[in-house]
Amino acid sequence: MQDNPNSLASFTPNATYSDPTFDDCFQDTCYKTWGLYIINSNNVLCYGGGLYSFFNNYDQGCLITESCQQNMVSVSNSSTVYLYNLNTKASQYIVTIDGVGVVTQLPNMDTFCSCVVLFEQP
C-alpha cells in the first residue's frame, strides 16, 4: 500500500484482530502498512524475508534518502521470534519491538538492500 490514501483511510482498525492503530505515528511514512506484523505470537520463524518500499504516492524520490517507509517489521508481545536473512528496502527501521525501533537500516545497508542475517526475540 502506498501513502495515498494512508492505511487509516483505507480501513478501520478492528481490535478483535489486533489491527494496528498507528496511534504512535508522527511522520507521513509511518502510516504505511507493515511488511510483517507479529503480535501475541510464539515460535515464529522467517527464512529469507524480502520486504521493500519503493514509492511515496508513486514517486521514487524517497529512494535518495532510503526513507520511503518508517517501519517495516513489528514484533509485539511475542517470544521465540527468529528472522533469518531479512532484507528490506527504504525503511528507516527494519524491526520495532513493542513500538520501539531496535534495528535501523543505515548500519545494515548492503548494496541494494539493508540486510540482517539474524534477528531474534527470545
C-alpha atoms as a PDB file:
ATOM      1  CA  MET A   1       0.000   0.000   0.000  1.00  0.00           C
ATOM      2  CA  GLN A   2       1.273   3.423  -0.859  1.00  0.00           C
ATOM      3  CA  ASP A   3       0.763   6.673   1.018  1.00  0.00           C
ATOM      4  CA  ASN A   4      -2.279   7.822  -0.878  1.00  0.00           C
ATOM      5  CA  PRO A   5      -4.536   7.051   0.816  1.00  0.00           C
ATOM      6  CA  ASN A   6      -2.741   6.202   4.041  1.00  0.00           C
ATOM      7  CA  SER A   7      -3.632   2.973   5.811  1.00  0.00           C
ATOM      8  CA  LEU A   8      -6.142   4.546   8.219  1.00  0.00           C
ATOM      9  CA  ALA A   9      -8.132   5.991   5.323  1.00  0.00           C
ATOM     10  CA  SER A  10      -8.304   2.512   3.792  1.00  0.00           C
ATOM     11  CA  PHE A  11      -9.621   0.547   6.769  1.00  0.00           C
ATOM     12  CA  THR A  12     -10.914   0.973  10.288  1.00  0.00           C
ATOM     13  CA  PRO A  13      -8.731  -0.864  12.813  1.00  0.00           C
ATOM     14  CA  ASN A  14     -10.534  -3.782  14.439  1.00  0.00           C
ATOM     15  CA  ALA A  15      -9.328  -4.593  17.961  1.00  0.00           C
ATOM     16  CA  THR A  16     -10.696  -8.139  17.629  1.00  0.00           C
ATOM     17  CA  TYR A  17      -7.925  -8.848  15.113  1.00  0.00           C
ATOM     18  CA  SER A  18      -5.259  -6.705  16.852  1.00  0.00           C
ATOM     19  CA  ASP A  19      -5.136  -4.344  13.870  1.00  0.00           C
ATOM     20  CA  PRO A  20      -2.524  -1.611  14.224  1.00  0.00           C
ATOM     21  CA  THR A  21      -3.982   1.787  15.156  1.00  0.00           C
ATOM     22  CA  PHE A  22      -0.930   3.879  14.195  1.00  0.00           C
ATOM     23  CA  ASP A  23      -1.513   5.982  17.335  1.00  0.00           C
ATOM     24  CA  ASP A  24       2.248   6.478  17.682  1.00  0.00           C
ATOM     25  CA  CYS A  25       2.709   7.864  14.154  1.00  0.00           C
ATOM     26  CA  PHE A  26       4.117  11.356  13.707  1.00  0.00           C
ATOM     27  CA  GLN A  27       5.588  11.057  10.187  1.00  0.00           C
ATOM     28  CA  ASP A  28       3.630  10.565   6.974  1.00  0.00           C
ATOM     29  CA  THR A  29       5.746   7.499   6.155  1.00  0.00           C
ATOM     30  CA  CYS A  30       4.633   5.852   9.410  1.00  0.00           C
ATOM     31  CA  TYR A  31       1.042   5.349   8.242  1.00  0.00           C
ATOM     32  CA  LYS A  32       2.012   2.767   5.648  1.00  0.00           C
ATOM     33  CA  THR A  33       1.016  -0.799   6.336  1.00  0.00           C
ATOM     34  CA  TRP A  34       3.575  -3.111   7.918  1.00  0.00           C
ATOM     35  CA  GLY A  35       5.579  -5.530   5.809  1.00  0.00           C
ATOM     36  CA  LEU A  36       5.377  -8.058   8.649  1.00  0.00           C
ATOM     37  CA  TYR A  37       3.240  -7.656  11.792  1.00  0.00           C
ATOM     38  CA  ILE A  38       3.852 -10.216  14.549  1.00  0.00           C
ATOM     39  CA  ILE A  39       1.661  -9.847  17.631  1.00  0.00           C
ATOM     40  CA  ASN A  40       0.818 -12.174  20.533  1.00  0.00           C
ATOM     41  CA  SER A  41       2.788 -14.969  18.874  1.00  0.00           C
ATOM     42  CA  ASN A  42       5.349 -17.595  19.828  1.00  0.00           C
ATOM     43  CA  ASN A  43       7.763 -19.732  17.832  1.00  0.00           C
ATOM     44  CA  VAL A  44       7.793 -17.619  14.666  1.00  0.00           C
ATOM     45  CA  LEU A  45      10.428 -18.431  12.044  1.00  0.00           C
ATOM     46  CA  CYS A  46      11.019 -16.477   8.828  1.00  0.00           C
ATOM     47  CA  TYR A  47      13.702 -17.532   6.369  1.00  0.00           C
ATOM     48  CA  GLY A  48      14.813 -15.174   3.600  1.00  0.00           C
ATOM     49  CA  GLY A  49      12.258 -12.389   4.007  1.00  0.00           C
ATOM     50  CA  GLY A  50      12.267  -9.569   1.425  1.00  0.00           C
ATOM     51  CA  LEU A  51      10.185  -6.505   2.317  1.00  0.00           C
ATOM     52  CA  TYR A  52      10.525  -3.482   0.040  1.00  0.00           C
ATOM     53  CA  SER A  53       9.119   0.040  -0.137  1.00  0.00           C
ATOM     54  CA  PHE A  54       9.938   1.919  -3.345  1.00  0.00           C
ATOM     55  CA  PHE A  55       7.397   4.727  -3.568  1.00  0.00           C
ATOM     56  CA  ASN A  56       5.648   7.587  -1.809  1.00  0.00           C
ATOM     57  CA  ASN A  57       2.456   8.261  -3.747  1.00  0.00           C
ATOM     58  CA  TYR A  58       4.036   6.641  -6.825  1.00  0.00           C
ATOM     59  CA  ASP A  59       7.077   8.945  -6.643  1.00  0.00           C
ATOM     60  CA  GLN A  60      10.512   7.386  -6.107  1.00  0.00           C
ATOM     61  CA  GLY A  61      12.211  10.484  -4.665  1.00  0.00           C
ATOM     62  CA  CYS A  62      12.291   8.832  -1.242  1.00  0.00           C
ATOM     63  CA  LEU A  63      14.884   6.345  -2.535  1.00  0.00           C
ATOM     64  CA  ILE A  64      17.507   9.120  -2.473  1.00  0.00           C
ATOM     65  CA  THR A  65      17.408   9.084   1.331  1.00  0.00           C
ATOM     66  CA  GLU A  66      16.194   5.467   1.633  1.00  0.00           C
ATOM     67  CA  SER A  67      13.224   6.718   3.697  1.00  0.00           C
ATOM     68  CA  CYS A  68      10.101   5.617   1.810  1.00  0.00           C
ATOM     69  CA  GLN A  69       8.674   3.948   4.914  1.00  0.00           C
ATOM     70  CA  GLN A  70       9.298   4.493   8.632  1.00  0.00           C
ATOM     71  CA  ASN A  71       8.802   0.925   9.923  1.00  0.00           C
ATOM     72  CA  MET A  72       8.767  -2.474   8.248  1.00  0.00           C
ATOM     73  CA  VAL A  73       8.596  -5.310  10.817  1.00  0.00           C
ATOM     74  CA  SER A  74       6.692  -5.071  14.092  1.00  0.00           C
ATOM     75  CA  VAL A  75       7.112  -7.580  16.915  1.00  0.00           C
ATOM     76  CA  SER A  76       4.782  -7.045  19.886  1.00  0.00           C
ATOM     77  CA  ASN A  77       4.058  -9.179  22.918  1.00  0.00           C
ATOM     78  CA  SER A  78       5.764 -12.145  21.263  1.00  0.00           C
ATOM     79  CA  SER A  79       8.570 -14.546  22.075  1.00  0.00           C
ATOM     80  CA  THR A  80      10.820 -17.000  20.288  1.00  0.00           C
ATOM     81  CA  VAL A  81      10.821 -14.979  17.060  1.00  0.00           C
ATOM     82  CA  TYR A  82      13.660 -15.707  14.629  1.00  0.00           C
ATOM     83  CA  LEU A  83      14.075 -13.812  11.374  1.00  0.00           C
ATOM     84  CA  TYR A  84      16.885 -15.187   9.221  1.00  0.00           C
ATOM     85  CA  ASN A  85      18.308 -13.228   6.285  1.00  0.00           C
ATOM     86  CA  LEU A  86      15.795 -10.380   6.493  1.00  0.00           C
ATOM     87  CA  ASN A  87      16.189  -7.912   3.603  1.00  0.00           C
ATOM     88  CA  THR A  88      14.398  -4.565   3.435  1.00  0.00           C
ATOM     89  CA  LYS A  89      14.459  -1.578   1.134  1.00  0.00           C
ATOM     90  CA  ALA A  90      13.962   2.079   2.083  1.00  0.00           C
ATOM     91  CA  SER A  91      12.553   1.605   5.578  1.00  0.00           C
ATOM     92  CA  GLN A  92      14.073   3.679   8.385  1.00  0.00           C
ATOM     93  CA  TYR A  93      13.508   0.950  10.982  1.00  0.00           C
ATOM     94  CA  ILE A  94      13.827  -2.655   9.918  1.00  0.00           C
ATOM     95  CA  VAL A  95      12.428  -4.046  13.185  1.00  0.00           C
ATOM     96  CA  THR A  96      10.467  -2.498  16.042  1.00  0.00           C
ATOM     97  CA  ILE A  97       9.719  -4.264  19.324  1.00  0.00           C
ATOM     98  CA  ASP A  98       6.646  -3.121  21.231  1.00  0.00           C
ATOM     99  CA  GLY A  99       6.632   0.132  19.246  1.00  0.00           C
ATOM    100  CA  VAL A 100      10.322   0.967  19.708  1.00  0.00           C
ATOM    101  CA  GLY A 101      12.681   0.888  16.725  1.00  0.00           C
ATOM    102  CA  VAL A 102      15.520  -1.500  17.576  1.00  0.00           C
ATOM    103  CA  VAL A 103      17.120  -2.293  14.198  1.00  0.00           C
ATOM    104  CA  THR A 104      17.827   0.655  11.918  1.00  0.00           C
ATOM    105  CA  GLN A 105      18.580   0.380   8.246  1.00  0.00           C
ATOM    106  CA  LEU A 106      21.692   2.576   7.898  1.00  0.00           C
ATOM    107  CA  PRO A 107      24.193   0.350   9.746  1.00  0.00           C
ATOM    108  CA  ASN A 108      22.779  -2.644   7.872  1.00  0.00           C
ATOM    109  CA  MET A 109      22.990  -1.263   4.314  1.00  0.00           C
ATOM    110  CA  ASP A 110      24.492  -3.800   1.926  1.00  0.00           C
ATOM    111  CA  THR A 111      24.411  -2.923  -1.780  1.00  0.00           C
ATOM    112  CA  PHE A 112      20.747  -2.735  -2.811  1.00  0.00           C
ATOM    113  CA  CYS A 113      19.014  -3.651   0.470  1.00  0.00           C
ATOM    114  CA  SER A 114      19.511  -3.428   4.183  1.00  0.00           C
ATOM    115  CA  CYS A 115      20.255  -6.927   5.446  1.00  0.00           C
ATOM    116  CA  VAL A 116      20.005  -8.567   8.841  1.00  0.00           C
ATOM    117  CA  VAL A 117      21.431 -12.067   8.952  1.00  0.00           C
ATOM    118  CA  LEU A 118      19.701 -12.961  12.225  1.00  0.00           C
ATOM    119  CA  PHE A 119      17.181 -11.161  14.398  1.00  0.00           C
ATOM    120  CA  GLU A 120      15.994 -12.980  17.479  1.00  0.00           C
ATOM    121  CA  GLN A 121      13.440 -12.125  20.137  1.00  0.00           C
ATOM    122  CA  PRO A 122      13.896 -14.896  22.724  1.00  0.00           C
END
